[in-house]
Amino acid sequence: MDPSLLPSLAWFAHVARHRSFTRAADEMGVSRAALSQSLKTLETQLGVRLLYRTTRHMSLTEAGQQLFDALAPTLAAIETAVHHLGETEGRPSGLVRINTSRLAAKALIEPHLGEFQARYPQVTLELVMADSLANIVADGSDVGIRLGRSLADAVVAVPISPPLSMAVAGSPAYLARHGTPRTPADLADHRCINYRFTGSGALHDWDFKEPGKAGRHFTQAVTGTLITNDDQSMTRAALQGLGLIQIVDIAIHEQLADGRLLRVLDDWTHHHPGFHLYFSSRDHMPAKIRALVDFLVEKRDGGMRL
């Protein structure tokens, strides 16, 4: 069927239901003349007369009645579906696929899963763990969670954690054997456990800021005998005394608190934008996505636990 006929068929159905050009035109917010012309064009396109018209009355021809009988249930079903869609979009429900780093999932989502599901019982969350930055459109995800500094300008990003600091840390046994670095340049004499980004394949250059408000930012290449693409693997290696690591401080909160790891070079570290929830557009945001955004923003200040 020619799709261009659809608007005229809908207009015909309005006229046929009301048996009146005037009432149909008023309901649709168009002029009677425009409606009449549209139906004349439809009759020409179909090659059949649909309406009998006089100056005072209008009725359906046999062909017009057959067409209306076929159109009415279909249009009613479409109207019901559109109405139901509007109701559904107002109530959070359905699947939300979240592409997230393991650390962000552990710190921001997992501690609050019970509360979120109690509040939104009709929303299903699917966590897709990936440490490399994901293109959520190509990945088929609804949203992603990553550190703010890694995000492209093209996405909409909402901060869902406070700013974070990168910590350089090692075990007491390692520091006892190899000494404590006083400046980033001293790392040349240390074994450093490094991280390789899965997506780009690049090694992480450790980043620092010179002490003082006006201190410049710079990166430092490091060397060692272990490279991994997993934060937890880095932490376990550091606990065994295999070298120093640079990692987001919240990832080793417990190990720092109980003394299994010790921070070094604190005067040279600085804060970075924290975790952000990112998505492709704010336009026509489904209620389920809005619910997740609002929930994580609500938990942002003080809701991050490991």
C-alpha atoms as a PDB file:
ATOM      1  CA  MET A   1       0.000   0.000   0.000  1.00  0.00           C
ATOM      2  CA  ASP A   2       1.120   3.540  -0.724  1.00  0.00           C
ATOM      3  CA  PRO A   3       2.088   5.018   2.686  1.00  0.00           C
ATOM      4  CA  SER A   4       1.036   8.479   1.483  1.00  0.00           C
ATOM      5  CA  LEU A   5      -2.595   7.295   1.704  1.00  0.00           C
ATOM      6  CA  LEU A   6      -2.461   6.799   5.489  1.00  0.00           C
ATOM      7  CA  PRO A   7      -3.262  10.401   6.565  1.00  0.00           C
ATOM      8  CA  SER A   8      -6.209  10.592   4.176  1.00  0.00           C
ATOM      9  CA  LEU A   9      -7.502   7.191   5.317  1.00  0.00           C
ATOM     10  CA  ALA A  10      -7.412   8.384   8.938  1.00  0.00           C
ATOM     11  CA  TRP A  11      -9.297  11.533   7.981  1.00  0.00           C
ATOM     12  CA  PHE A  12     -11.864   9.454   6.088  1.00  0.00           C
ATOM     13  CA  ALA A  13     -12.383   7.285   9.185  1.00  0.00           C
ATOM     14  CA  HIS A  14     -13.109  10.388  11.286  1.00  0.00           C
ATOM     15  CA  VAL A  15     -15.704  11.597   8.783  1.00  0.00           C
ATOM     16  CA  ALA A  16     -17.274   8.160   8.485  1.00  0.00           C
ATOM     17  CA  ARG A  17     -17.517   7.758  12.271  1.00  0.00           C
ATOM     18  CA  HIS A  18     -19.183  11.149  12.777  1.00  0.00           C
ATOM     19  CA  ARG A  19     -21.152  11.111   9.520  1.00  0.00           C
ATOM     20  CA  SER A  20     -20.328  14.804   9.432  1.00  0.00           C
ATOM     21  CA  PHE A  21     -17.577  16.896   7.861  1.00  0.00           C
ATOM     22  CA  THR A  22     -18.112  19.662  10.408  1.00  0.00           C
ATOM     23  CA  ARG A  23     -17.803  17.495  13.542  1.00  0.00           C
ATOM     24  CA  ALA A  24     -14.837  15.584  12.093  1.00  0.00           C
ATOM     25  CA  ALA A  25     -13.061  18.818  11.143  1.00  0.00           C
ATOM     26  CA  ASP A  26     -13.634  20.270  14.629  1.00  0.00           C
ATOM     27  CA  GLU A  27     -12.276  17.114  16.308  1.00  0.00           C
ATOM     28  CA  MET A  28      -9.118  17.121  14.188  1.00  0.00           C
ATOM     29  CA  GLY A  29      -8.585  20.889  14.324  1.00  0.00           C
ATOM     30  CA  VAL A  30      -8.634  21.375  10.543  1.00  0.00           C
ATOM     31  CA  SER A  31     -10.885  23.342   8.235  1.00  0.00           C
ATOM     32  CA  ARG A  32     -13.920  21.722   6.653  1.00  0.00           C
ATOM     33  CA  ALA A  33     -12.621  22.726   3.224  1.00  0.00           C
ATOM     34  CA  ALA A  34      -9.249  21.029   3.802  1.00  0.00           C
ATOM     35  CA  LEU A  35     -10.950  17.874   5.009  1.00  0.00           C
ATOM     36  CA  SER A  36     -13.306  17.783   2.035  1.00  0.00           C
ATOM     37  CA  GLN A  37     -10.440  18.284  -0.417  1.00  0.00           C
ATOM     38  CA  SER A  38      -8.414  15.515   1.230  1.00  0.00           C
ATOM     39  CA  LEU A  39     -11.254  13.035   0.795  1.00  0.00           C
ATOM     40  CA  LYS A  40     -11.819  14.026  -2.827  1.00  0.00           C
ATOM     41  CA  THR A  41      -8.134  13.362  -3.460  1.00  0.00           C
ATOM     42  CA  LEU A  42      -8.401   9.994  -1.699  1.00  0.00           C
ATOM     43  CA  GLU A  43     -11.346   8.991  -3.905  1.00  0.00           C
ATOM     44  CA  THR A  44      -9.346   9.959  -6.971  1.00  0.00           C
ATOM     45  CA  GLN A  45      -6.340   7.938  -5.809  1.00  0.00           C
ATOM     46  CA  LEU A  46      -8.457   4.863  -5.019  1.00  0.00           C
ATOM     47  CA  GLY A  47     -10.610   5.233  -8.140  1.00  0.00           C
ATOM     48  CA  VAL A  48     -13.836   4.731  -6.187  1.00  0.00           C
ATOM     49  CA  ARG A  49     -16.482   6.919  -4.645  1.00  0.00           C
ATOM     50  CA  LEU A  50     -16.578   6.691  -0.854  1.00  0.00           C
ATOM     51  CA  LEU A  51     -19.180   9.304   0.122  1.00  0.00           C
ATOM     52  CA  TYR A  52     -22.524  10.618  -1.033  1.00  0.00           C
ATOM     53  CA  ARG A  53     -22.654  14.371  -0.438  1.00  0.00           C
ATOM     54  CA  THR A  54     -25.464  16.870  -0.543  1.00  0.00           C
ATOM     55  CA  THR A  55     -25.579  20.389   0.796  1.00  0.00           C
ATOM     56  CA  ARG A  56     -27.095  19.111   4.059  1.00  0.00           C
ATOM     57  CA  HIS A  57     -26.292  15.419   4.333  1.00  0.00           C
ATOM     58  CA  MET A  58     -23.458  12.970   3.933  1.00  0.00           C
ATOM     59  CA  SER A  59     -23.549   9.170   3.796  1.00  0.00           C
ATOM     60  CA  LEU A  60     -21.214   6.317   2.918  1.00  0.00           C
ATOM     61  CA  THR A  61     -21.350   4.461  -0.343  1.00  0.00           C
ATOM     62  CA  GLU A  62     -21.154   0.673  -0.216  1.00  0.00           C
ATOM     63  CA  ALA A  63     -17.419   0.897  -0.951  1.00  0.00           C
ATOM     64  CA  GLY A  64     -17.039   3.577   1.692  1.00  0.00           C
ATOM     65  CA  GLN A  65     -18.781   1.415   4.299  1.00  0.00           C
ATOM     66  CA  GLN A  66     -16.563  -1.573   3.449  1.00  0.00           C
ATOM     67  CA  LEU A  67     -13.455   0.567   3.777  1.00  0.00           C
ATOM     68  CA  PHE A  68     -14.601   2.031   7.103  1.00  0.00           C
ATOM     69  CA  ASP A  69     -15.443  -1.425   8.487  1.00  0.00           C
ATOM     70  CA  ALA A  70     -11.886  -2.526   7.643  1.00  0.00           C
ATOM     71  CA  LEU A  71     -10.207   0.614   8.993  1.00  0.00           C
ATOM     72  CA  ALA A  72     -12.100   1.078  12.265  1.00  0.00           C
ATOM     73  CA  PRO A  73     -10.630  -1.835  14.292  1.00  0.00           C
ATOM     74  CA  THR A  74      -7.110  -1.139  13.056  1.00  0.00           C
ATOM     75  CA  LEU A  75      -7.272   2.554  13.947  1.00  0.00           C
ATOM     76  CA  ALA A  76      -8.803   1.706  17.323  1.00  0.00           C
ATOM     77  CA  ALA A  77      -5.921  -0.701  18.012  1.00  0.00           C
ATOM     78  CA  ILE A  78      -3.374   1.969  17.038  1.00  0.00           C
ATOM     79  CA  GLU A  79      -5.080   4.531  19.291  1.00  0.00           C
ATOM     80  CA  THR A  80      -5.044   2.058  22.200  1.00  0.00           C
ATOM     81  CA  ALA A  81      -1.379   1.234  21.632  1.00  0.00           C
ATOM     82  CA  VAL A  82      -0.383   4.911  21.551  1.00  0.00           C
ATOM     83  CA  HIS A  83      -2.382   5.591  24.707  1.00  0.00           C
ATOM     84  CA  HIS A  84      -0.840   2.582  26.460  1.00  0.00           C
ATOM     85  CA  LEU A  85       2.625   3.662  25.357  1.00  0.00           C
ATOM     86  CA  GLY A  86       2.110   7.041  26.961  1.00  0.00           C
ATOM     87  CA  GLU A  87       1.016   5.413  30.220  1.00  0.00           C
ATOM     88  CA  THR A  88       3.986   3.025  30.172  1.00  0.00           C
ATOM     89  CA  GLU A  89       6.478   5.810  29.543  1.00  0.00           C
ATOM     90  CA  GLY A  90       5.137   7.588  32.606  1.00  0.00           C
ATOM     91  CA  ARG A  91       5.763   4.566  34.848  1.00  0.00           C
ATOM     92  CA  PRO A  92       9.283   3.090  35.118  1.00  0.00           C
ATOM     93  CA  SER A  93       9.261  -0.427  33.711  1.00  0.00           C
ATOM     94  CA  GLY A  94      11.264  -2.680  31.418  1.00  0.00           C
ATOM     95  CA  LEU A  95      14.924  -3.570  30.932  1.00  0.00           C
ATOM     96  CA  VAL A  96      17.781  -1.101  31.517  1.00  0.00           C
ATOM     97  CA  ARG A  97      21.135  -2.341  30.189  1.00  0.00           C
ATOM     98  CA  ILE A  98      24.087  -0.680  31.950  1.00  0.00           C
ATOM     99  CA  ASN A  99      27.607  -0.944  30.565  1.00  0.00           C
ATOM    100  CA  THR A 100      29.836  -0.280  33.565  1.00  0.00           C
ATOM    101  CA  SER A 101      33.350  -0.779  34.850  1.00  0.00           C
ATOM    102  CA  ARG A 102      33.638  -3.389  37.582  1.00  0.00           C
ATOM    103  CA  LEU A 103      34.737  -0.780  40.090  1.00  0.00           C
ATOM    104  CA  ALA A 104      31.770   1.498  39.364  1.00  0.00           C
ATOM    105  CA  ALA A 105      29.364  -1.435  39.677  1.00  0.00           C
ATOM    106  CA  LYS A 106      30.884  -2.436  43.021  1.00  0.00           C
ATOM    107  CA  ALA A 107      30.932   1.105  44.398  1.00  0.00           C
ATOM    108  CA  LEU A 108      27.769   2.666  42.985  1.00  0.00           C
ATOM    109  CA  ILE A 109      25.243   0.024  41.996  1.00  0.00           C
ATOM    110  CA  GLU A 110      25.648  -3.191  43.969  1.00  0.00           C
ATOM    111  CA  PRO A 111      25.256  -1.569  47.433  1.00  0.00           C
ATOM    112  CA  HIS A 112      21.883  -0.111  46.408  1.00  0.00           C
ATOM    113  CA  LEU A 113      20.350  -2.883  44.275  1.00  0.00           C
ATOM    114  CA  GLY A 114      17.829  -3.888  46.948  1.00  0.00           C
ATOM    115  CA  GLU A 115      16.601  -0.334  47.471  1.00  0.00           C
ATOM    116  CA  PHE A 116      16.346   0.362  43.734  1.00  0.00           C
ATOM    117  CA  GLN A 117      14.373  -2.804  43.039  1.00  0.00           C
ATOM    118  CA  ALA A 118      12.056  -2.171  45.989  1.00  0.00           C
ATOM    119  CA  ARG A 119      11.369   1.319  44.637  1.00  0.00           C
ATOM    120  CA  TYR A 120      11.039   0.257  40.986  1.00  0.00           C
ATOM    121  CA  PRO A 121       9.878  -3.381  40.992  1.00  0.00           C
ATOM    122  CA  GLN A 122       8.989  -3.330  37.285  1.00  0.00           C
ATOM    123  CA  VAL A 123      12.494  -2.290  36.163  1.00  0.00           C
ATOM    124  CA  THR A 124      15.039  -5.008  35.335  1.00  0.00           C
ATOM    125  CA  LEU A 125      18.716  -4.054  35.484  1.00  0.00           C
ATOM    126  CA  GLU A 126      21.310  -5.846  33.361  1.00  0.00           C
ATOM    127  CA  LEU A 127      24.920  -5.096  34.307  1.00  0.00           C
ATOM    128  CA  VAL A 128      27.444  -5.507  31.504  1.00  0.00           C
ATOM    129  CA  MET A 129      30.925  -5.412  33.047  1.00  0.00           C
ATOM    130  CA  ALA A 130      33.640  -3.937  30.818  1.00  0.00           C
ATOM    131  CA  ASP A 131      36.597  -1.823  31.844  1.00  0.00           C
ATOM    132  CA  SER A 132      37.211  -0.290  28.415  1.00  0.00           C
ATOM    133  CA  LEU A 133      35.117   2.708  27.382  1.00  0.00           C
ATOM    134  CA  ALA A 134      31.995   1.445  25.600  1.00  0.00           C
ATOM    135  CA  ASN A 135      30.047   2.918  22.708  1.00  0.00           C
ATOM    136  CA  ILE A 136      26.666   2.287  24.294  1.00  0.00           C
ATOM    137  CA  VAL A 137      24.764   2.722  21.015  1.00  0.00           C
ATOM    138  CA  ALA A 138      26.850   0.083  19.222  1.00  0.00           C
ATOM    139  CA  ASP A 139      26.894  -2.082  22.342  1.00  0.00           C
ATOM    140  CA  GLY A 140      23.118  -2.080  22.659  1.00  0.00           C
ATOM    141  CA  SER A 141      23.231  -0.601  26.159  1.00  0.00           C
ATOM    142  CA  ASP A 142      20.952   2.138  27.460  1.00  0.00           C
ATOM    143  CA  VAL A 143      23.541   3.876  29.632  1.00  0.00           C
ATOM    144  CA  GLY A 144      27.186   3.584  30.635  1.00  0.00           C
ATOM    145  CA  ILE A 145      29.188   4.439  33.752  1.00  0.00           C
ATOM    146  CA  ARG A 146      32.815   5.577  33.499  1.00  0.00           C
ATOM    147  CA  LEU A 147      35.200   8.135  34.967  1.00  0.00           C
ATOM    148  CA  GLY A 148      34.313  11.593  33.677  1.00  0.00           C
ATOM    149  CA  ARG A 149      37.723  12.343  32.186  1.00  0.00           C
ATOM    150  CA  SER A 150      37.403   9.412  29.757  1.00  0.00           C
ATOM    151  CA  LEU A 151      34.091  10.454  28.197  1.00  0.00           C
ATOM    152  CA  ALA A 152      33.618  12.014  24.762  1.00  0.00           C
ATOM    153  CA  ASP A 153      32.006  15.428  24.445  1.00  0.00           C
ATOM    154  CA  ALA A 154      29.263  13.978  22.255  1.00  0.00           C
ATOM    155  CA  VAL A 155      27.530  12.114  25.090  1.00  0.00           C
ATOM    156  CA  VAL A 156      25.291  13.443  27.845  1.00  0.00           C
ATOM    157  CA  ALA A 157      27.086  12.792  31.150  1.00  0.00           C
ATOM    158  CA  VAL A 158      25.693  13.172  34.673  1.00  0.00           C
ATOM    159  CA  PRO A 159      28.098  13.038  37.662  1.00  0.00           C
ATOM    160  CA  ILE A 160      27.088  10.272  40.092  1.00  0.00           C
ATOM    161  CA  SER A 161      30.066  10.305  42.472  1.00  0.00           C
ATOM    162  CA  PRO A 162      32.244  12.913  44.167  1.00  0.00           C
ATOM    163  CA  PRO A 163      35.619  13.747  42.574  1.00  0.00           C
ATOM    164  CA  LEU A 164      38.127  10.906  43.018  1.00  0.00           C
ATOM    165  CA  SER A 165      41.842  10.780  43.671  1.00  0.00           C
ATOM    166  CA  MET A 166      44.432   8.453  42.195  1.00  0.00           C
ATOM    167  CA  ALA A 167      46.530   6.757  44.883  1.00  0.00           C
ATOM    168  CA  VAL A 168      50.037   5.363  44.522  1.00  0.00           C
ATOM    169  CA  ALA A 169      50.431   2.537  47.006  1.00  0.00           C
ATOM    170  CA  GLY A 170      52.543  -0.454  47.928  1.00  0.00           C
ATOM    171  CA  SER A 171      52.721  -3.065  50.652  1.00  0.00           C
ATOM    172  CA  PRO A 172      54.752  -2.411  53.823  1.00  0.00           C
ATOM    173  CA  ALA A 173      57.034  -5.313  52.857  1.00  0.00           C
ATOM    174  CA  TYR A 174      57.723  -3.838  49.398  1.00  0.00           C
ATOM    175  CA  LEU A 175      58.483  -0.386  50.805  1.00  0.00           C
ATOM    176  CA  ALA A 176      60.745  -1.883  53.459  1.00  0.00           C
ATOM    177  CA  ARG A 177      62.802  -3.615  50.744  1.00  0.00           C
ATOM    178  CA  HIS A 178      62.851  -0.901  48.091  1.00  0.00           C
ATOM    179  CA  GLY A 179      62.348   2.329  49.999  1.00  0.00           C
ATOM    180  CA  THR A 180      59.699   5.050  49.655  1.00  0.00           C
ATOM    181  CA  PRO A 181      59.691   7.239  46.506  1.00  0.00           C
ATOM    182  CA  ARG A 182      59.732  10.947  47.310  1.00  0.00           C
ATOM    183  CA  THR A 183      58.986  12.273  43.809  1.00  0.00           C
ATOM    184  CA  PRO A 184      57.496  10.687  40.665  1.00  0.00           C
ATOM    185  CA  ALA A 185      60.993  10.670  39.160  1.00  0.00           C
ATOM    186  CA  ASP A 186      62.006   8.151  41.851  1.00  0.00           C
ATOM    187  CA  LEU A 187      59.638   5.616  40.254  1.00  0.00           C
ATOM    188  CA  ALA A 188      62.379   4.872  37.736  1.00  0.00           C
ATOM    189  CA  ASP A 189      64.054   2.909  40.553  1.00  0.00           C
ATOM    190  CA  HIS A 190      60.899   0.982  41.490  1.00  0.00           C
ATOM    191  CA  ARG A 191      58.884  -1.945  40.202  1.00  0.00           C
ATOM    192  CA  CYS A 192      55.508  -0.650  39.118  1.00  0.00           C
ATOM    193  CA  ILE A 193      52.498  -2.851  38.359  1.00  0.00           C
ATOM    194  CA  ASN A 194      50.875  -1.272  35.329  1.00  0.00           C
ATOM    195  CA  TYR A 195      47.462  -1.313  33.676  1.00  0.00           C
ATOM    196  CA  ARG A 196      46.807  -1.868  29.955  1.00  0.00           C
ATOM    197  CA  PHE A 197      43.573  -0.459  28.540  1.00  0.00           C
ATOM    198  CA  THR A 198      41.559  -3.195  26.864  1.00  0.00           C
ATOM    199  CA  GLY A 199      40.055  -0.978  24.173  1.00  0.00           C
ATOM    200  CA  SER A 200      43.107   0.945  22.968  1.00  0.00           C
ATOM    201  CA  GLY A 201      45.811  -1.459  24.097  1.00  0.00           C
ATOM    202  CA  ALA A 202      47.744   1.501  25.532  1.00  0.00           C
ATOM    203  CA  LEU A 203      49.590   1.343  28.833  1.00  0.00           C
ATOM    204  CA  HIS A 204      48.474   3.688  31.572  1.00  0.00           C
ATOM    205  CA  ASP A 205      50.935   6.536  32.064  1.00  0.00           C
ATOM    206  CA  TRP A 206      50.759   7.507  35.708  1.00  0.00           C
ATOM    207  CA  ASP A 207      49.508  11.057  36.164  1.00  0.00           C
ATOM    208  CA  PHE A 208      50.600  13.583  38.755  1.00  0.00           C
ATOM    209  CA  LYS A 209      50.408  17.244  39.694  1.00  0.00           C
ATOM    210  CA  GLU A 210      53.290  19.258  41.071  1.00  0.00           C
ATOM    211  CA  PRO A 211      52.696  20.339  44.684  1.00  0.00           C
ATOM    212  CA  GLY A 212      51.074  23.744  45.119  1.00  0.00           C
ATOM    213  CA  LYS A 213      48.027  25.438  43.619  1.00  0.00           C
ATOM    214  CA  ALA A 214      49.831  26.378  40.408  1.00  0.00           C
ATOM    215  CA  GLY A 215      51.513  23.018  39.965  1.00  0.00           C
ATOM    216  CA  ARG A 216      51.492  21.604  36.472  1.00  0.00           C
ATOM    217  CA  HIS A 217      49.929  18.287  35.517  1.00  0.00           C
ATOM    218  CA  PHE A 218      52.191  15.698  33.926  1.00  0.00           C
ATOM    219  CA  THR A 219      52.403  11.983  33.239  1.00  0.00           C
ATOM    220  CA  GLN A 220      55.161   9.581  34.155  1.00  0.00           C
ATOM    221  CA  ALA A 221      55.944   6.382  32.260  1.00  0.00           C
ATOM    222  CA  VAL A 222      56.761   3.488  34.599  1.00  0.00           C
ATOM    223  CA  THR A 223      58.292   0.046  34.248  1.00  0.00           C
ATOM    224  CA  GLY A 224      57.939  -3.219  36.101  1.00  0.00           C
ATOM    225  CA  THR A 225      57.505  -6.956  35.744  1.00  0.00           C
ATOM    226  CA  LEU A 226      53.706  -7.194  35.684  1.00  0.00           C
ATOM    227  CA  ILE A 227      51.042  -5.679  33.398  1.00  0.00           C
ATOM    228  CA  THR A 228      47.316  -6.443  33.713  1.00  0.00           C
ATOM    229  CA  ASN A 229      43.972  -5.126  32.501  1.00  0.00           C
ATOM    230  CA  ASP A 230      42.174  -5.802  35.788  1.00  0.00           C
ATOM    231  CA  ASP A 231      42.109  -3.490  38.841  1.00  0.00           C
ATOM    232  CA  GLN A 232      41.631  -6.326  41.302  1.00  0.00           C
ATOM    233  CA  SER A 233      44.570  -8.249  39.840  1.00  0.00           C
ATOM    234  CA  MET A 234      46.748  -5.144  40.320  1.00  0.00           C
ATOM    235  CA  THR A 235      45.643  -4.848  43.922  1.00  0.00           C
ATOM    236  CA  ARG A 236      46.326  -8.514  44.699  1.00  0.00           C
ATOM    237  CA  ALA A 237      49.803  -8.227  43.172  1.00  0.00           C
ATOM    238  CA  ALA A 238      50.562  -5.146  45.267  1.00  0.00           C
ATOM    239  CA  LEU A 239      49.413  -6.960  48.417  1.00  0.00           C
ATOM    240  CA  GLN A 240      51.958  -9.684  47.613  1.00  0.00           C
ATOM    241  CA  GLY A 241      54.724  -7.073  47.527  1.00  0.00           C
ATOM    242  CA  LEU A 242      55.320  -7.282  43.774  1.00  0.00           C
ATOM    243  CA  GLY A 243      55.442  -3.527  43.255  1.00  0.00           C
ATOM    244  CA  LEU A 244      53.674  -0.166  43.419  1.00  0.00           C
ATOM    245  CA  ILE A 245      50.304   0.560  41.813  1.00  0.00           C
ATOM    246  CA  GLN A 246      48.445   3.712  40.817  1.00  0.00           C
ATOM    247  CA  ILE A 247      44.702   3.232  41.144  1.00  0.00           C
ATOM    248  CA  VAL A 248      41.539   5.136  42.093  1.00  0.00           C
ATOM    249  CA  ASP A 249      41.707   5.413  45.866  1.00  0.00           C
ATOM    250  CA  ILE A 250      38.265   3.987  46.516  1.00  0.00           C
ATOM    251  CA  ALA A 251      39.352   0.721  44.875  1.00  0.00           C
ATOM    252  CA  ILE A 252      41.807   0.081  47.724  1.00  0.00           C
ATOM    253  CA  HIS A 253      39.894   1.791  50.542  1.00  0.00           C
ATOM    254  CA  GLU A 254      39.851  -1.287  52.774  1.00  0.00           C
ATOM    255  CA  GLN A 255      43.507  -2.163  52.179  1.00  0.00           C
ATOM    256  CA  LEU A 256      44.571   1.409  53.019  1.00  0.00           C
ATOM    257  CA  ALA A 257      42.372   1.511  56.089  1.00  0.00           C
ATOM    258  CA  ASP A 258      43.809  -1.679  57.606  1.00  0.00           C
ATOM    259  CA  GLY A 259      47.411  -0.940  56.633  1.00  0.00           C
ATOM    260  CA  ARG A 260      47.901  -3.752  54.135  1.00  0.00           C
ATOM    261  CA  LEU A 261      48.769  -1.048  51.593  1.00  0.00           C
ATOM    262  CA  LEU A 262      50.430   2.304  52.265  1.00  0.00           C
ATOM    263  CA  ARG A 263      50.065   5.472  50.206  1.00  0.00           C
ATOM    264  CA  VAL A 264      53.112   7.237  48.817  1.00  0.00           C
ATOM    265  CA  LEU A 265      53.592  10.410  46.764  1.00  0.00           C
ATOM    266  CA  ASP A 266      50.421  11.899  48.247  1.00  0.00           C
ATOM    267  CA  ASP A 267      51.678  15.456  47.685  1.00  0.00           C
ATOM    268  CA  TRP A 268      51.815  14.716  43.967  1.00  0.00           C
ATOM    269  CA  THR A 269      48.304  13.305  43.523  1.00  0.00           C
ATOM    270  CA  HIS A 270      45.233  15.312  42.562  1.00  0.00           C
ATOM    271  CA  HIS A 271      41.498  14.902  42.154  1.00  0.00           C
ATOM    272  CA  HIS A 272      39.797  13.836  38.936  1.00  0.00           C
ATOM    273  CA  PRO A 273      36.154  14.076  37.871  1.00  0.00           C
ATOM    274  CA  GLY A 274      34.360  11.146  39.441  1.00  0.00           C
ATOM    275  CA  PHE A 275      32.139   8.526  37.871  1.00  0.00           C
ATOM    276  CA  HIS A 276      29.529   9.715  35.389  1.00  0.00           C
ATOM    277  CA  LEU A 277      26.407   8.081  34.057  1.00  0.00           C
ATOM    278  CA  TYR A 278      26.374   8.736  30.318  1.00  0.00           C
ATOM    279  CA  PHE A 279      23.804   8.259  27.562  1.00  0.00           C
ATOM    280  CA  SER A 280      23.265   9.403  24.005  1.00  0.00           C
ATOM    281  CA  SER A 281      20.481  11.987  24.394  1.00  0.00           C
ATOM    282  CA  ARG A 282      18.059  13.599  26.846  1.00  0.00           C
ATOM    283  CA  ASP A 283      15.322  13.721  24.189  1.00  0.00           C
ATOM    284  CA  HIS A 284      12.325  11.470  24.886  1.00  0.00           C
ATOM    285  CA  MET A 285      14.097   9.831  27.826  1.00  0.00           C
ATOM    286  CA  PRO A 286      12.125   6.734  28.921  1.00  0.00           C
ATOM    287  CA  ALA A 287      10.816   6.742  32.486  1.00  0.00           C
ATOM    288  CA  LYS A 288      13.020   3.741  33.366  1.00  0.00           C
ATOM    289  CA  ILE A 289      16.194   5.684  32.407  1.00  0.00           C
ATOM    290  CA  ARG A 290      15.013   8.804  34.216  1.00  0.00           C
ATOM    291  CA  ALA A 291      14.373   6.691  37.324  1.00  0.00           C
ATOM    292  CA  LEU A 292      17.927   5.312  37.246  1.00  0.00           C
ATOM    293  CA  VAL A 293      19.489   8.749  36.677  1.00  0.00           C
ATOM    294  CA  ASP A 294      17.523  10.306  39.539  1.00  0.00           C
ATOM    295  CA  PHE A 295      18.294   7.389  41.867  1.00  0.00           C
ATOM    296  CA  LEU A 296      22.051   7.468  41.276  1.00  0.00           C
ATOM    297  CA  VAL A 297      22.188  11.266  41.598  1.00  0.00           C
ATOM    298  CA  GLU A 298      20.316  10.909  44.892  1.00  0.00           C
ATOM    299  CA  LYS A 299      22.998   8.471  46.100  1.00  0.00           C
ATOM    300  CA  ARG A 300      25.887  10.572  44.769  1.00  0.00           C
ATOM    301  CA  ASP A 301      26.869  12.349  47.983  1.00  0.00           C
ATOM    302  CA  GLY A 302      27.759   9.680  50.494  1.00  0.00           C
ATOM    303  CA  GLY A 303      26.267   6.743  48.648  1.00  0.00           C
ATOM    304  CA  MET A 304      29.519   5.280  47.325  1.00  0.00           C
ATOM    305  CA  ARG A 305      30.583   2.227  49.296  1.00  0.00           C
ATOM    306  CA  LEU A 306      33.043  -0.596  48.751  1.00  0.00           C
END
